[in-house]
Amino acid sequence: MAFFLSSIDAQFDPVGSTVGQAGRVRLTAENFEYAELRAEQVCIEPRNVYPGSG
């Protein structure tokens, strides 16, 4: 898998922030390659994201 991560966008609402949960997260990658798949741009919107260390 190879790609260039071009942007990360995350919004935190007041309630979710108290427990460390991001409300909306969007990752955008360019020049995505995986096995035989290729794409100029890929957007991923994961759910239930709890950013943190470790």
N, C-alpha and C. Protein backbone atom coordinates (compact mmCIF):
# COMPACT_ATOMS: atom_id res chain seq x y z
N MET A 1 0.85 -1.15 0.00
CA MET A 1 0.00 0.00 0.00
C MET A 1 0.90 1.23 0.00
N ALA A 2 0.58 2.19 -0.86
CA ALA A 2 1.32 3.45 -0.92
C ALA A 2 0.34 4.57 -1.20
N PHE A 3 0.56 5.70 -0.54
CA PHE A 3 -0.30 6.86 -0.76
C PHE A 3 0.36 8.09 -0.15
N PHE A 4 -0.14 9.25 -0.55
CA PHE A 4 0.27 10.52 0.01
C PHE A 4 -0.91 11.07 0.78
N LEU A 5 -0.80 11.16 2.10
CA LEU A 5 -1.88 11.69 2.93
C LEU A 5 -1.92 13.20 2.76
N SER A 6 -2.97 13.70 2.11
CA SER A 6 -3.02 15.12 1.77
C SER A 6 -3.79 15.95 2.79
N SER A 7 -4.71 15.34 3.56
CA SER A 7 -5.40 16.14 4.58
C SER A 7 -6.04 15.25 5.65
N ILE A 8 -6.13 15.81 6.84
CA ILE A 8 -6.85 15.21 7.96
C ILE A 8 -7.77 16.29 8.49
N ASP A 9 -9.06 15.99 8.58
CA ASP A 9 -10.03 16.94 9.10
C ASP A 9 -10.81 16.25 10.21
N ALA A 10 -10.84 16.86 11.38
CA ALA A 10 -11.58 16.29 12.50
C ALA A 10 -12.33 17.39 13.23
N GLN A 11 -13.56 17.08 13.61
CA GLN A 11 -14.37 18.01 14.38
C GLN A 11 -14.76 17.34 15.68
N PHE A 12 -14.62 18.08 16.77
CA PHE A 12 -14.96 17.57 18.09
C PHE A 12 -16.15 18.34 18.64
N ASP A 13 -17.21 17.61 19.02
CA ASP A 13 -18.34 18.28 19.66
C ASP A 13 -18.11 18.28 21.17
N PRO A 14 -18.77 19.16 21.91
CA PRO A 14 -18.54 19.28 23.35
C PRO A 14 -18.78 17.97 24.13
N VAL A 15 -19.82 17.23 23.80
CA VAL A 15 -20.11 16.00 24.53
C VAL A 15 -19.07 14.92 24.22
N GLY A 16 -18.77 14.72 22.95
CA GLY A 16 -17.79 13.71 22.57
C GLY A 16 -16.40 14.03 23.08
N SER A 17 -16.07 15.31 23.15
CA SER A 17 -14.75 15.71 23.62
C SER A 17 -14.51 15.32 25.07
N THR A 18 -15.56 15.27 25.87
CA THR A 18 -15.37 14.91 27.28
C THR A 18 -14.91 13.47 27.45
N VAL A 19 -15.21 12.61 26.48
CA VAL A 19 -14.76 11.21 26.54
C VAL A 19 -13.68 10.92 25.50
N GLY A 20 -13.19 11.97 24.82
CA GLY A 20 -12.10 11.81 23.86
C GLY A 20 -12.52 11.29 22.51
N GLN A 21 -13.78 11.44 22.14
CA GLN A 21 -14.26 10.95 20.85
C GLN A 21 -14.39 12.09 19.85
N ALA A 22 -13.89 11.84 18.63
CA ALA A 22 -14.03 12.81 17.55
C ALA A 22 -15.41 12.64 16.92
N GLY A 23 -16.07 13.75 16.63
CA GLY A 23 -17.39 13.70 16.03
C GLY A 23 -17.36 13.29 14.58
N ARG A 24 -16.56 13.96 13.80
CA ARG A 24 -16.45 13.68 12.36
C ARG A 24 -14.98 13.70 11.98
N VAL A 25 -14.51 12.67 11.33
CA VAL A 25 -13.11 12.59 10.90
C VAL A 25 -13.10 12.25 9.41
N ARG A 26 -12.23 12.91 8.67
CA ARG A 26 -12.10 12.63 7.24
C ARG A 26 -10.61 12.63 6.89
N LEU A 27 -10.15 11.55 6.29
CA LEU A 27 -8.78 11.42 5.82
C LEU A 27 -8.81 11.39 4.29
N THR A 28 -7.98 12.19 3.67
CA THR A 28 -7.92 12.23 2.21
C THR A 28 -6.50 11.88 1.78
N ALA A 29 -6.40 10.92 0.88
CA ALA A 29 -5.11 10.48 0.37
C ALA A 29 -5.10 10.60 -1.15
N GLU A 30 -3.93 10.91 -1.68
CA GLU A 30 -3.76 11.01 -3.14
C GLU A 30 -2.78 9.95 -3.62
N ASN A 31 -2.88 9.62 -4.88
CA ASN A 31 -2.01 8.63 -5.52
C ASN A 31 -2.01 7.31 -4.75
N PHE A 32 -3.19 6.80 -4.48
CA PHE A 32 -3.37 5.57 -3.72
C PHE A 32 -3.08 4.36 -4.58
N GLU A 33 -2.28 3.42 -4.03
CA GLU A 33 -1.97 2.17 -4.72
C GLU A 33 -2.02 1.03 -3.72
N TYR A 34 -2.76 -0.02 -4.08
CA TYR A 34 -2.81 -1.23 -3.26
C TYR A 34 -3.03 -2.41 -4.19
N ALA A 35 -2.06 -3.30 -4.22
CA ALA A 35 -2.08 -4.45 -5.14
C ALA A 35 -2.35 -3.93 -6.56
N GLU A 36 -3.45 -4.35 -7.17
CA GLU A 36 -3.77 -3.91 -8.53
C GLU A 36 -4.68 -2.68 -8.55
N LEU A 37 -5.05 -2.18 -7.38
CA LEU A 37 -5.95 -1.02 -7.31
C LEU A 37 -5.16 0.27 -7.33
N ARG A 38 -5.66 1.24 -8.08
CA ARG A 38 -5.03 2.55 -8.15
C ARG A 38 -6.13 3.61 -8.18
N ALA A 39 -5.89 4.72 -7.49
CA ALA A 39 -6.86 5.82 -7.49
C ALA A 39 -6.13 7.14 -7.31
N GLU A 40 -6.61 8.18 -7.98
CA GLU A 40 -6.01 9.50 -7.83
C GLU A 40 -6.27 10.06 -6.44
N GLN A 41 -7.49 9.79 -5.91
CA GLN A 41 -7.83 10.31 -4.59
C GLN A 41 -8.78 9.34 -3.88
N VAL A 42 -8.54 9.16 -2.58
CA VAL A 42 -9.37 8.30 -1.74
C VAL A 42 -9.73 9.08 -0.49
N CYS A 43 -11.01 9.06 -0.10
CA CYS A 43 -11.46 9.71 1.13
C CYS A 43 -12.03 8.64 2.06
N ILE A 44 -11.60 8.67 3.30
CA ILE A 44 -12.06 7.72 4.31
C ILE A 44 -12.70 8.51 5.44
N GLU A 45 -13.88 8.08 5.87
CA GLU A 45 -14.57 8.71 6.99
C GLU A 45 -14.86 7.66 8.05
N PRO A 46 -13.88 7.39 8.93
CA PRO A 46 -14.08 6.37 9.97
C PRO A 46 -15.09 6.82 11.02
N ARG A 47 -15.70 5.87 11.69
CA ARG A 47 -16.70 6.14 12.74
C ARG A 47 -16.12 5.75 14.11
N ASN A 48 -16.65 6.36 15.16
CA ASN A 48 -16.25 6.05 16.54
C ASN A 48 -14.75 6.17 16.75
N VAL A 49 -14.19 7.29 16.38
CA VAL A 49 -12.75 7.51 16.48
C VAL A 49 -12.42 8.10 17.85
N TYR A 50 -11.50 7.44 18.54
CA TYR A 50 -11.01 7.90 19.84
C TYR A 50 -9.52 8.17 19.72
N PRO A 51 -9.14 9.40 19.33
CA PRO A 51 -7.71 9.69 19.18
C PRO A 51 -7.04 9.69 20.55
N GLY A 52 -5.84 9.20 20.57
CA GLY A 52 -5.09 9.18 21.82
C GLY A 52 -3.73 8.55 21.60
N SER A 53 -2.90 8.63 22.60
CA SER A 53 -1.57 8.06 22.48
C SER A 53 -1.56 6.65 23.06
N GLY A 54 -0.62 5.87 22.54
CA GLY A 54 -0.43 4.52 23.07
C GLY A 54 -1.40 3.58 22.57
